[in-house]
Amino acid sequence: MLKLAARDERAFDAAIAATEAAAARAGIRRVAVRCQTRFDDAFRRLVARGYRVRWTDLRMTYEGYPEPHPARGVLFSNWEI
């Protein structure tokens, strides 16, 4: 599993493209990305690239302690090749 942090859409697209290229060079035929629903634009961008949707975003927090989110950009907690 990897962490993904991107400052903006362009950096996000570049990171995904680089991951796909690295996977192809290594003979890995599939890349899976766990996209938290908080990042709806990143989700749409992945679907536009041909990624399939699987609903796995279960977030649990303690009342009064919400999950922190970056003010801009993308920060995926888990993704894997």
PDB file of N, CA and C in Angstrom:
ATOM      1  N   MET A   1       0.825  -1.179   0.000  1.00  0.00           N
ATOM      2  CA  MET A   1       0.000   0.000   0.000  1.00  0.00           C
ATOM      3  C   MET A   1       0.866   1.239   0.000  1.00  0.00           C
ATOM      4  N   LEU A   2       0.374   2.246  -0.652  1.00  0.00           N
ATOM      5  CA  LEU A   2       1.092   3.506  -0.768  1.00  0.00           C
ATOM      6  C   LEU A   2       0.232   4.646  -0.251  1.00  0.00           C
ATOM      7  N   LYS A   3       0.843   5.756   0.003  1.00  0.00           N
ATOM      8  CA  LYS A   3       0.125   6.991   0.332  1.00  0.00           C
ATOM      9  C   LYS A   3       0.209   7.885  -0.896  1.00  0.00           C
ATOM     10  N   LEU A   4      -0.807   8.681  -1.131  1.00  0.00           N
ATOM     11  CA  LEU A   4      -0.795   9.608  -2.254  1.00  0.00           C
ATOM     12  C   LEU A   4      -1.167  10.990  -1.758  1.00  0.00           C
ATOM     13  N   ALA A   5      -0.310  11.944  -2.028  1.00  0.00           N
ATOM     14  CA  ALA A   5      -0.592  13.344  -1.725  1.00  0.00           C
ATOM     15  C   ALA A   5      -0.324  14.140  -2.996  1.00  0.00           C
ATOM     16  N   ALA A   6      -1.283  14.951  -3.398  1.00  0.00           N
ATOM     17  CA  ALA A   6      -1.128  15.785  -4.594  1.00  0.00           C
ATOM     18  C   ALA A   6      -1.659  17.180  -4.288  1.00  0.00           C
ATOM     19  N   ARG A   7      -0.899  18.188  -4.680  1.00  0.00           N
ATOM     20  CA  ARG A   7      -1.280  19.569  -4.383  1.00  0.00           C
ATOM     21  C   ARG A   7      -2.473  20.060  -5.191  1.00  0.00           C
ATOM     22  N   ASP A   8      -2.669  19.495  -6.383  1.00  0.00           N
ATOM     23  CA  ASP A   8      -3.752  19.961  -7.239  1.00  0.00           C
ATOM     24  C   ASP A   8      -4.104  18.883  -8.266  1.00  0.00           C
ATOM     25  N   GLU A   9      -5.077  19.186  -9.140  1.00  0.00           N
ATOM     26  CA  GLU A   9      -5.541  18.219 -10.143  1.00  0.00           C
ATOM     27  C   GLU A   9      -4.411  17.745 -11.043  1.00  0.00           C
ATOM     28  N   ARG A  10      -3.582  18.674 -11.467  1.00  0.00           N
ATOM     29  CA  ARG A  10      -2.486  18.339 -12.385  1.00  0.00           C
ATOM     30  C   ARG A  10      -1.508  17.350 -11.723  1.00  0.00           C
ATOM     31  N   ALA A  11      -1.162  17.613 -10.474  1.00  0.00           N
ATOM     32  CA  ALA A  11      -0.260  16.715  -9.750  1.00  0.00           C
ATOM     33  C   ALA A  11      -0.918  15.354  -9.533  1.00  0.00           C
ATOM     34  N   PHE A  12      -2.204  15.344  -9.248  1.00  0.00           N
ATOM     35  CA  PHE A  12      -2.935  14.091  -9.070  1.00  0.00           C
ATOM     36  C   PHE A  12      -2.900  13.268 -10.351  1.00  0.00           C
ATOM     37  N   ASP A  13      -3.243  13.905 -11.486  1.00  0.00           N
ATOM     38  CA  ASP A  13      -3.236  13.201 -12.767  1.00  0.00           C
ATOM     39  C   ASP A  13      -1.841  12.667 -13.096  1.00  0.00           C
ATOM     40  N   ALA A  14      -0.807  13.459 -12.810  1.00  0.00           N
ATOM     41  CA  ALA A  14       0.568  13.026 -13.075  1.00  0.00           C
ATOM     42  C   ALA A  14       0.949  11.831 -12.203  1.00  0.00           C
ATOM     43  N   ALA A  15       0.540  11.848 -10.940  1.00  0.00           N
ATOM     44  CA  ALA A  15       0.854  10.738 -10.038  1.00  0.00           C
ATOM     45  C   ALA A  15       0.159   9.454 -10.482  1.00  0.00           C
ATOM     46  N   ILE A  16      -1.078   9.560 -10.889  1.00  0.00           N
ATOM     47  CA  ILE A  16      -1.805   8.377 -11.358  1.00  0.00           C
ATOM     48  C   ILE A  16      -1.183   7.850 -12.646  1.00  0.00           C
ATOM     49  N   ALA A  17      -0.874   8.739 -13.588  1.00  0.00           N
ATOM     50  CA  ALA A  17      -0.254   8.325 -14.854  1.00  0.00           C
ATOM     51  C   ALA A  17       1.105   7.665 -14.608  1.00  0.00           C
ATOM     52  N   ALA A  18       1.899   8.226 -13.704  1.00  0.00           N
ATOM     53  CA  ALA A  18       3.205   7.648 -13.393  1.00  0.00           C
ATOM     54  C   ALA A  18       3.057   6.273 -12.751  1.00  0.00           C
ATOM     55  N   THR A  19       2.069   6.116 -11.902  1.00  0.00           N
ATOM     56  CA  THR A  19       1.813   4.824 -11.257  1.00  0.00           C
ATOM     57  C   THR A  19       1.402   3.785 -12.287  1.00  0.00           C
ATOM     58  N   GLU A  20       0.517   4.178 -13.197  1.00  0.00           N
ATOM     59  CA  GLU A  20       0.090   3.259 -14.258  1.00  0.00           C
ATOM     60  C   GLU A  20       1.279   2.844 -15.128  1.00  0.00           C
ATOM     61  N   ALA A  21       2.141   3.799 -15.471  1.00  0.00           N
ATOM     62  CA  ALA A  21       3.308   3.501 -16.307  1.00  0.00           C
ATOM     63  C   ALA A  21       4.281   2.580 -15.578  1.00  0.00           C
ATOM     64  N   ALA A  22       4.522   2.837 -14.306  1.00  0.00           N
ATOM     65  CA  ALA A  22       5.429   1.995 -13.523  1.00  0.00           C
ATOM     66  C   ALA A  22       4.873   0.577 -13.399  1.00  0.00           C
ATOM     67  N   ALA A  23       3.576   0.476 -13.181  1.00  0.00           N
ATOM     68  CA  ALA A  23       2.945  -0.841 -13.079  1.00  0.00           C
ATOM     69  C   ALA A  23       3.091  -1.600 -14.397  1.00  0.00           C
ATOM     70  N   ALA A  24       2.872  -0.919 -15.516  1.00  0.00           N
ATOM     71  CA  ALA A  24       2.994  -1.558 -16.832  1.00  0.00           C
ATOM     72  C   ALA A  24       4.425  -2.046 -17.068  1.00  0.00           C
ATOM     73  N   ARG A  25       5.402  -1.220 -16.707  1.00  0.00           N
ATOM     74  CA  ARG A  25       6.809  -1.622 -16.884  1.00  0.00           C
ATOM     75  C   ARG A  25       7.156  -2.838 -16.026  1.00  0.00           C
ATOM     76  N   ALA A  26       6.518  -2.950 -14.880  1.00  0.00           N
ATOM     77  CA  ALA A  26       6.774  -4.075 -13.977  1.00  0.00           C
ATOM     78  C   ALA A  26       5.935  -5.303 -14.310  1.00  0.00           C
ATOM     79  N   GLY A  27       5.089  -5.190 -15.326  1.00  0.00           N
ATOM     80  CA  GLY A  27       4.247  -6.317 -15.712  1.00  0.00           C
ATOM     81  C   GLY A  27       3.002  -6.466 -14.860  1.00  0.00           C
ATOM     82  N   ILE A  28       2.689  -5.434 -14.096  1.00  0.00           N
ATOM     83  CA  ILE A  28       1.479  -5.452 -13.270  1.00  0.00           C
ATOM     84  C   ILE A  28       0.320  -4.974 -14.131  1.00  0.00           C
ATOM     85  N   ARG A  29      -0.705  -5.772 -14.229  1.00  0.00           N
ATOM     86  CA  ARG A  29      -1.784  -5.469 -15.160  1.00  0.00           C
ATOM     87  C   ARG A  29      -2.916  -4.630 -14.584  1.00  0.00           C
ATOM     88  N   ARG A  30      -2.912  -4.417 -13.274  1.00  0.00           N
ATOM     89  CA  ARG A  30      -4.041  -3.710 -12.681  1.00  0.00           C
ATOM     90  C   ARG A  30      -3.573  -2.775 -11.570  1.00  0.00           C
ATOM     91  N   VAL A  31      -4.140  -1.592 -11.555  1.00  0.00           N
ATOM     92  CA  VAL A  31      -3.894  -0.620 -10.494  1.00  0.00           C
ATOM     93  C   VAL A  31      -5.228  -0.358  -9.812  1.00  0.00           C
ATOM     94  N   ALA A  32      -5.261  -0.447  -8.492  1.00  0.00           N
ATOM     95  CA  ALA A  32      -6.473  -0.171  -7.721  1.00  0.00           C
ATOM     96  C   ALA A  32      -6.223   1.039  -6.840  1.00  0.00           C
ATOM     97  N   VAL A  33      -7.185   1.919  -6.781  1.00  0.00           N
ATOM     98  CA  VAL A  33      -7.068   3.131  -5.976  1.00  0.00           C
ATOM     99  C   VAL A  33      -8.261   3.213  -5.037  1.00  0.00           C
ATOM    100  N   ARG A  34      -7.991   3.352  -3.758  1.00  0.00           N
ATOM    101  CA  ARG A  34      -9.065   3.585  -2.793  1.00  0.00           C
ATOM    102  C   ARG A  34      -9.247   5.086  -2.680  1.00  0.00           C
ATOM    103  N   CYS A  35     -10.322   5.565  -3.214  1.00  0.00           N
ATOM    104  CA  CYS A  35     -10.581   7.002  -3.273  1.00  0.00           C
ATOM    105  C   CYS A  35     -11.649   7.368  -2.259  1.00  0.00           C
ATOM    106  N   GLN A  36     -11.264   8.100  -1.243  1.00  0.00           N
ATOM    107  CA  GLN A  36     -12.236   8.516  -0.239  1.00  0.00           C
ATOM    108  C   GLN A  36     -13.262   9.468  -0.874  1.00  0.00           C
ATOM    109  N   THR A  37     -14.505   9.345  -0.460  1.00  0.00           N
ATOM    110  CA  THR A  37     -15.567  10.157  -1.046  1.00  0.00           C
ATOM    111  C   THR A  37     -15.379  11.641  -0.782  1.00  0.00           C
ATOM    112  N   ARG A  38     -14.561  11.996   0.156  1.00  0.00           N
ATOM    113  CA  ARG A  38     -14.256  13.401   0.432  1.00  0.00           C
ATOM    114  C   ARG A  38     -13.658  14.081  -0.800  1.00  0.00           C
ATOM    115  N   PHE A  39     -12.985  13.311  -1.652  1.00  0.00           N
ATOM    116  CA  PHE A  39     -12.305  13.840  -2.831  1.00  0.00           C
ATOM    117  C   PHE A  39     -13.102  13.509  -4.087  1.00  0.00           C
ATOM    118  N   ASP A  40     -14.269  14.137  -4.212  1.00  0.00           N
ATOM    119  CA  ASP A  40     -15.168  13.812  -5.312  1.00  0.00           C
ATOM    120  C   ASP A  40     -14.579  14.141  -6.680  1.00  0.00           C
ATOM    121  N   ASP A  41     -13.785  15.194  -6.802  1.00  0.00           N
ATOM    122  CA  ASP A  41     -13.177  15.523  -8.090  1.00  0.00           C
ATOM    123  C   ASP A  41     -12.171  14.441  -8.494  1.00  0.00           C
ATOM    124  N   ALA A  42     -11.368  13.984  -7.548  1.00  0.00           N
ATOM    125  CA  ALA A  42     -10.411  12.909  -7.841  1.00  0.00           C
ATOM    126  C   ALA A  42     -11.168  11.644  -8.248  1.00  0.00           C
ATOM    127  N   PHE A  43     -12.270  11.370  -7.583  1.00  0.00           N
ATOM    128  CA  PHE A  43     -13.097  10.215  -7.930  1.00  0.00           C
ATOM    129  C   PHE A  43     -13.572  10.316  -9.379  1.00  0.00           C
ATOM    130  N   ARG A  44     -14.086  11.479  -9.763  1.00  0.00           N
ATOM    131  CA  ARG A  44     -14.555  11.671 -11.144  1.00  0.00           C
ATOM    132  C   ARG A  44     -13.410  11.515 -12.146  1.00  0.00           C
ATOM    133  N   ARG A  45     -12.237  12.004 -11.793  1.00  0.00           N
ATOM    134  CA  ARG A  45     -11.082  11.912 -12.680  1.00  0.00           C
ATOM    135  C   ARG A  45     -10.672  10.440 -12.877  1.00  0.00           C
ATOM    136  N   LEU A  46     -10.740   9.652 -11.817  1.00  0.00           N
ATOM    137  CA  LEU A  46     -10.422   8.231 -11.937  1.00  0.00           C
ATOM    138  C   LEU A  46     -11.429   7.517 -12.826  1.00  0.00           C
ATOM    139  N   VAL A  47     -12.700   7.795 -12.643  1.00  0.00           N
ATOM    140  CA  VAL A  47     -13.736   7.175 -13.476  1.00  0.00           C
ATOM    141  C   VAL A  47     -13.529   7.571 -14.934  1.00  0.00           C
ATOM    142  N   ALA A  48     -13.185   8.826 -15.192  1.00  0.00           N
ATOM    143  CA  ALA A  48     -12.932   9.289 -16.566  1.00  0.00           C
ATOM    144  C   ALA A  48     -11.738   8.552 -17.183  1.00  0.00           C
ATOM    145  N   ARG A  49     -10.789   8.111 -16.359  1.00  0.00           N
ATOM    146  CA  ARG A  49      -9.622   7.361 -16.852  1.00  0.00           C
ATOM    147  C   ARG A  49      -9.964   5.892 -17.084  1.00  0.00           C
ATOM    148  N   GLY A  50     -11.170   5.477 -16.717  1.00  0.00           N
ATOM    149  CA  GLY A  50     -11.583   4.101 -16.943  1.00  0.00           C
ATOM    150  C   GLY A  50     -11.572   3.219 -15.709  1.00  0.00           C
ATOM    151  N   TYR A  51     -11.319   3.798 -14.551  1.00  0.00           N
ATOM    152  CA  TYR A  51     -11.353   3.005 -13.321  1.00  0.00           C
ATOM    153  C   TYR A  51     -12.783   2.610 -13.005  1.00  0.00           C
ATOM    154  N   ARG A  52     -12.944   1.399 -12.451  1.00  0.00           N
ATOM    155  CA  ARG A  52     -14.260   0.914 -12.058  1.00  0.00           C
ATOM    156  C   ARG A  52     -14.533   1.286 -10.617  1.00  0.00           C
ATOM    157  N   VAL A  53     -15.801   1.361 -10.286  1.00  0.00           N
ATOM    158  CA  VAL A  53     -16.202   1.798  -8.952  1.00  0.00           C
ATOM    159  C   VAL A  53     -16.552   0.606  -8.077  1.00  0.00           C
ATOM    160  N   ARG A  54     -16.028   0.627  -6.862  1.00  0.00           N
ATOM    161  CA  ARG A  54     -16.394  -0.311  -5.821  1.00  0.00           C
ATOM    162  C   ARG A  54     -16.595   0.504  -4.562  1.00  0.00           C
ATOM    163  N   TRP A  55     -17.691   0.369  -3.925  1.00  0.00           N
ATOM    164  CA  TRP A  55     -17.979   1.191  -2.746  1.00  0.00           C
ATOM    165  C   TRP A  55     -17.323   0.547  -1.533  1.00  0.00           C
ATOM    166  N   THR A  56     -16.260   1.162  -1.023  1.00  0.00           N
ATOM    167  CA  THR A  56     -15.574   0.612   0.146  1.00  0.00           C
ATOM    168  C   THR A  56     -15.222   1.695   1.155  1.00  0.00           C
ATOM    169  N   ASP A  57     -15.810   2.851   1.033  1.00  0.00           N
ATOM    170  CA  ASP A  57     -15.419   3.981   1.867  1.00  0.00           C
ATOM    171  C   ASP A  57     -16.228   4.002   3.163  1.00  0.00           C
ATOM    172  N   LEU A  58     -15.745   3.303   4.145  1.00  0.00           N
ATOM    173  CA  LEU A  58     -16.372   3.303   5.453  1.00  0.00           C
ATOM    174  C   LEU A  58     -15.444   4.072   6.385  1.00  0.00           C
ATOM    175  N   ARG A  59     -15.920   5.185   6.883  1.00  0.00           N
ATOM    176  CA  ARG A  59     -15.126   6.020   7.774  1.00  0.00           C
ATOM    177  C   ARG A  59     -15.748   6.008   9.152  1.00  0.00           C
ATOM    178  N   MET A  60     -14.937   5.787  10.153  1.00  0.00           N
ATOM    179  CA  MET A  60     -15.433   5.804  11.519  1.00  0.00           C
ATOM    180  C   MET A  60     -14.636   6.855  12.290  1.00  0.00           C
ATOM    181  N   THR A  61     -15.345   7.726  12.979  1.00  0.00           N
ATOM    182  CA  THR A  61     -14.694   8.744  13.805  1.00  0.00           C
ATOM    183  C   THR A  61     -15.407   8.809  15.142  1.00  0.00           C
ATOM    184  N   TYR A  62     -14.737   9.371  16.096  1.00  0.00           N
ATOM    185  CA  TYR A  62     -15.305   9.545  17.420  1.00  0.00           C
ATOM    186  C   TYR A  62     -15.990  10.906  17.468  1.00  0.00           C
ATOM    187  N   GLU A  63     -17.191  10.954  18.031  1.00  0.00           N
ATOM    188  CA  GLU A  63     -17.954  12.200  18.097  1.00  0.00           C
ATOM    189  C   GLU A  63     -17.107  13.329  18.690  1.00  0.00           C
ATOM    190  N   GLY A  64     -17.100  14.452  17.970  1.00  0.00           N
ATOM    191  CA  GLY A  64     -16.325  15.604  18.408  1.00  0.00           C
ATOM    192  C   GLY A  64     -14.904  15.627  17.874  1.00  0.00           C
ATOM    193  N   TYR A  65     -14.498  14.561  17.179  1.00  0.00           N
ATOM    194  CA  TYR A  65     -13.155  14.464  16.614  1.00  0.00           C
ATOM    195  C   TYR A  65     -13.248  14.078  15.138  1.00  0.00           C
ATOM    196  N   PRO A  66     -13.652  15.020  14.295  1.00  0.00           N
ATOM    197  CA  PRO A  66     -13.815  14.693  12.877  1.00  0.00           C
ATOM    198  C   PRO A  66     -12.478  14.392  12.207  1.00  0.00           C
ATOM    199  N   GLU A  67     -12.542  13.665  11.125  1.00  0.00           N
ATOM    200  CA  GLU A  67     -11.339  13.363  10.348  1.00  0.00           C
ATOM    201  C   GLU A  67     -10.813  14.647   9.712  1.00  0.00           C
ATOM    202  N   PRO A  68      -9.538  14.977   9.893  1.00  0.00           N
ATOM    203  CA  PRO A  68      -9.000  16.197   9.284  1.00  0.00           C
ATOM    204  C   PRO A  68      -8.818  16.022   7.778  1.00  0.00           C
ATOM    205  N   HIS A  69      -9.021  17.075   7.033  1.00  0.00           N
ATOM    206  CA  HIS A  69      -8.858  17.060   5.578  1.00  0.00           C
ATOM    207  C   HIS A  69      -7.994  18.236   5.160  1.00  0.00           C
ATOM    208  N   PRO A  70      -7.194  18.058   4.107  1.00  0.00           N
ATOM    209  CA  PRO A  70      -6.390  19.184   3.621  1.00  0.00           C
ATOM    210  C   PRO A  70      -7.291  20.270   3.035  1.00  0.00           C
ATOM    211  N   ALA A  71      -6.858  21.513   3.120  1.00  0.00           N
ATOM    212  CA  ALA A  71      -7.643  22.634   2.585  1.00  0.00           C
ATOM    213  C   ALA A  71      -7.763  22.551   1.070  1.00  0.00           C
ATOM    214  N   ARG A  72      -6.729  22.041   0.406  1.00  0.00           N
ATOM    215  CA  ARG A  72      -6.785  21.844  -1.042  1.00  0.00           C
ATOM    216  C   ARG A  72      -5.923  20.661  -1.420  1.00  0.00           C
ATOM    217  N   GLY A  73      -6.128  20.163  -2.615  1.00  0.00           N
ATOM    218  CA  GLY A  73      -5.358  19.018  -3.070  1.00  0.00           C
ATOM    219  C   GLY A  73      -6.005  17.700  -2.669  1.00  0.00           C
ATOM    220  N   VAL A  74      -5.217  16.628  -2.740  1.00  0.00           N
ATOM    221  CA  VAL A  74      -5.709  15.280  -2.469  1.00  0.00           C
ATOM    222  C   VAL A  74      -4.745  14.587  -1.514  1.00  0.00           C
ATOM    223  N   LEU A  75      -5.295  13.875  -0.547  1.00  0.00           N
ATOM    224  CA  LEU A  75      -4.479  13.063   0.356  1.00  0.00           C
ATOM    225  C   LEU A  75      -5.238  11.757   0.585  1.00  0.00           C
ATOM    226  N   PHE A  76      -4.850  10.718  -0.160  1.00  0.00           N
ATOM    227  CA  PHE A  76      -5.465   9.400  -0.003  1.00  0.00           C
ATOM    228  C   PHE A  76      -4.745   8.661   1.094  1.00  0.00           C
ATOM    229  N   SER A  77      -5.496   8.076   2.022  1.00  0.00           N
ATOM    230  CA  SER A  77      -4.876   7.380   3.138  1.00  0.00           C
ATOM    231  C   SER A  77      -4.312   6.027   2.714  1.00  0.00           C
ATOM    232  N   ASN A  78      -4.925   5.345   1.777  1.00  0.00           N
ATOM    233  CA  ASN A  78      -4.443   4.043   1.320  1.00  0.00           C
ATOM    234  C   ASN A  78      -4.738   3.869  -0.161  1.00  0.00           C
ATOM    235  N   TRP A  79      -3.745   3.403  -0.881  1.00  0.00           N
ATOM    236  CA  TRP A  79      -3.961   2.978  -2.260  1.00  0.00           C
ATOM    237  C   TRP A  79      -2.922   1.928  -2.561  1.00  0.00           C
ATOM    238  N   GLU A  80      -3.171   1.113  -3.540  1.00  0.00           N
ATOM    239  CA  GLU A  80      -2.286  -0.028  -3.773  1.00  0.00           C
ATOM    240  C   GLU A  80      -2.220  -0.363  -5.243  1.00  0.00           C
ATOM    241  N   ILE A  81      -1.145  -1.030  -5.591  1.00  0.00           N
ATOM    242  CA  ILE A  81      -0.967  -1.515  -6.962  1.00  0.00           C
ATOM    243  C   ILE A  81      -1.248  -2.996  -6.958  1.00  0.00           C
TER     244      ILE A  81
END
